[in-house]
Protein backbone atom coordinates (compact mmCIF):
# COMPACT_ATOMS: atom_id res chain seq x y z
CA MET A 1 -31.79 -10.97 125.02
CA ASN A 2 -31.39 -8.83 128.39
CA LYS A 3 -29.96 -5.46 125.73
CA ALA A 4 -33.39 -6.35 122.73
CA ALA A 5 -36.26 -6.18 125.58
CA ARG A 6 -35.26 -3.88 126.28
CA LEU A 7 -35.71 -1.45 122.92
CA ASP A 8 -39.20 0.14 122.21
CA GLU A 9 -39.91 -2.75 119.43
CA TYR A 10 -39.76 -5.18 121.76
CA ALA A 11 -42.00 -3.93 124.02
CA PRO A 12 -44.49 -6.30 122.71
CA LEU A 13 -42.93 -9.66 123.65
CA VAL A 14 -42.23 -8.59 126.74
CA ASP A 15 -45.79 -7.58 127.86
CA ALA A 16 -46.85 -10.91 126.09
CA ALA A 17 -44.80 -12.90 128.11
CA VAL A 18 -45.12 -10.45 131.72
CA ALA A 19 -48.72 -12.11 130.85
CA TYR A 20 -48.48 -14.90 130.16
CA ALA A 21 -46.02 -15.43 134.31
CA LYS A 22 -48.81 -13.91 135.74
CA GLU A 23 -51.08 -16.08 133.89
CA LYS A 24 -49.82 -18.92 134.43
CA SER A 25 -47.80 -18.61 138.25
CA ALA A 26 -49.41 -20.01 141.25
CA ALA A 27 -50.74 -17.94 143.50
CA ASP A 28 -48.53 -19.54 146.53
CA ALA A 29 -45.65 -19.72 143.52
CA SER A 30 -42.49 -17.74 145.34
CA ALA A 31 -40.29 -14.82 143.28
CA ASP A 32 -37.75 -16.81 141.85
CA ASP A 33 -40.91 -18.95 140.44
CA LYS A 34 -42.73 -16.39 139.03
CA MET A 35 -39.68 -14.54 137.70
CA ALA A 36 -37.62 -18.27 136.65
CA LEU A 37 -42.00 -18.55 134.75
CA LEU A 38 -41.71 -15.26 133.65
CA LEU A 39 -37.43 -15.24 132.12
CA ASP A 40 -38.62 -19.21 129.73
CA ALA A 41 -42.11 -16.97 128.28
CA LEU A 42 -39.59 -14.20 127.29
CA SER A 43 -36.66 -16.42 125.51
CA VAL A 44 -39.58 -18.39 123.59
CA GLU A 45 -41.28 -15.33 122.58
CA PHE A 46 -38.07 -14.07 120.68
CA GLY A 47 -37.28 -17.27 119.53
CA ALA A 48 -41.64 -17.36 117.96
CA GLU A 49 -40.44 -13.96 116.37
CA ILE A 50 -37.29 -15.41 115.31
CA LEU A 51 -38.61 -18.57 113.61
CA LYS A 52 -41.34 -16.41 111.62
CA HIS A 53 -38.00 -14.38 109.37
CA VAL A 54 -35.84 -18.17 109.81
CA PRO A 55 -35.71 -21.70 108.29
CA GLY A 56 -34.17 -24.13 110.82
CA TYR A 57 -34.78 -24.45 114.36
CA VAL A 58 -33.94 -22.20 116.62
CA SER A 59 -31.81 -22.68 120.34
CA THR A 60 -33.08 -21.97 123.96
CA GLU A 61 -31.27 -21.82 126.95
CA VAL A 62 -32.63 -23.77 130.42
CA ASP A 63 -31.58 -21.94 133.03
CA ALA A 64 -28.00 -22.13 134.00
CA ARG A 65 -28.06 -22.40 137.45
CA LEU A 66 -30.11 -25.49 137.00
CA SER A 67 -26.59 -26.93 135.58
CA PHE A 68 -26.38 -29.79 138.29
CA ASP A 69 -29.78 -30.27 138.25
CA LEU A 70 -30.85 -33.87 136.23
CA GLU A 71 -34.95 -33.27 137.94
CA GLY A 72 -35.30 -29.77 136.88
CA ASN A 73 -33.35 -28.97 133.71
CA LEU A 74 -35.85 -32.37 131.98
CA THR A 75 -38.99 -29.99 133.85
CA ARG A 76 -37.52 -26.59 132.43
CA ALA A 77 -36.61 -27.71 129.37
CA ARG A 78 -39.84 -29.09 129.22
CA ARG A 79 -41.53 -26.41 130.17
CA ILE A 80 -39.93 -25.00 127.67
CA ILE A 81 -41.09 -27.07 124.60
CA ASP A 82 -44.91 -27.10 125.83
CA MET A 83 -45.15 -23.51 125.39
CA TYR A 84 -43.32 -23.33 122.15
CA ALA A 85 -45.98 -25.62 121.17
CA ALA A 86 -49.05 -24.09 122.25
CA LYS A 87 -48.05 -21.18 120.15
CA GLY A 88 -48.03 -23.57 117.41
CA ILE A 89 -44.62 -24.35 116.96
CA GLY A 90 -42.76 -28.21 117.44
CA LYS A 91 -40.15 -29.47 119.00
CA ASP A 92 -38.56 -30.17 115.32
CA ARG A 93 -37.96 -26.19 115.18
CA VAL A 94 -36.47 -25.99 118.36
CA LEU A 95 -33.41 -27.19 120.45
CA ILE A 96 -32.97 -26.74 124.04
CA LYS A 97 -29.81 -25.85 125.20
CA LEU A 98 -28.34 -27.32 128.14
CA ALA A 99 -25.19 -27.21 130.36
CA SER A 100 -22.10 -29.50 129.76
CA THR A 101 -22.15 -31.22 132.99
CA TRP A 102 -23.08 -34.50 134.00
CA GLU A 103 -26.54 -33.43 134.19
CA GLY A 104 -27.31 -32.04 131.38
CA LEU A 105 -25.10 -34.69 129.24
């Protein structure tokens, strides 16, 4: 995603993710929390674009730094699903990928 996000043709997706993160970030959110929201939004923007062209579902990965954090995994996975839902994409078209740790399983 990093390489694709640098291409001019995907600038509207990056711009949309940045705008979303600015709008939805709490005023007192840390820089890490703002960046996490931005990256989730960017993942959803790319996932939604892919779903316009392929049948079935798209996978979106929860931040690997949450691999050993059960509640963190659940919170982020639910946030990602909610972001897709806000774009009119049902959870039946989204596969949330979690790390293969005890917490992820």
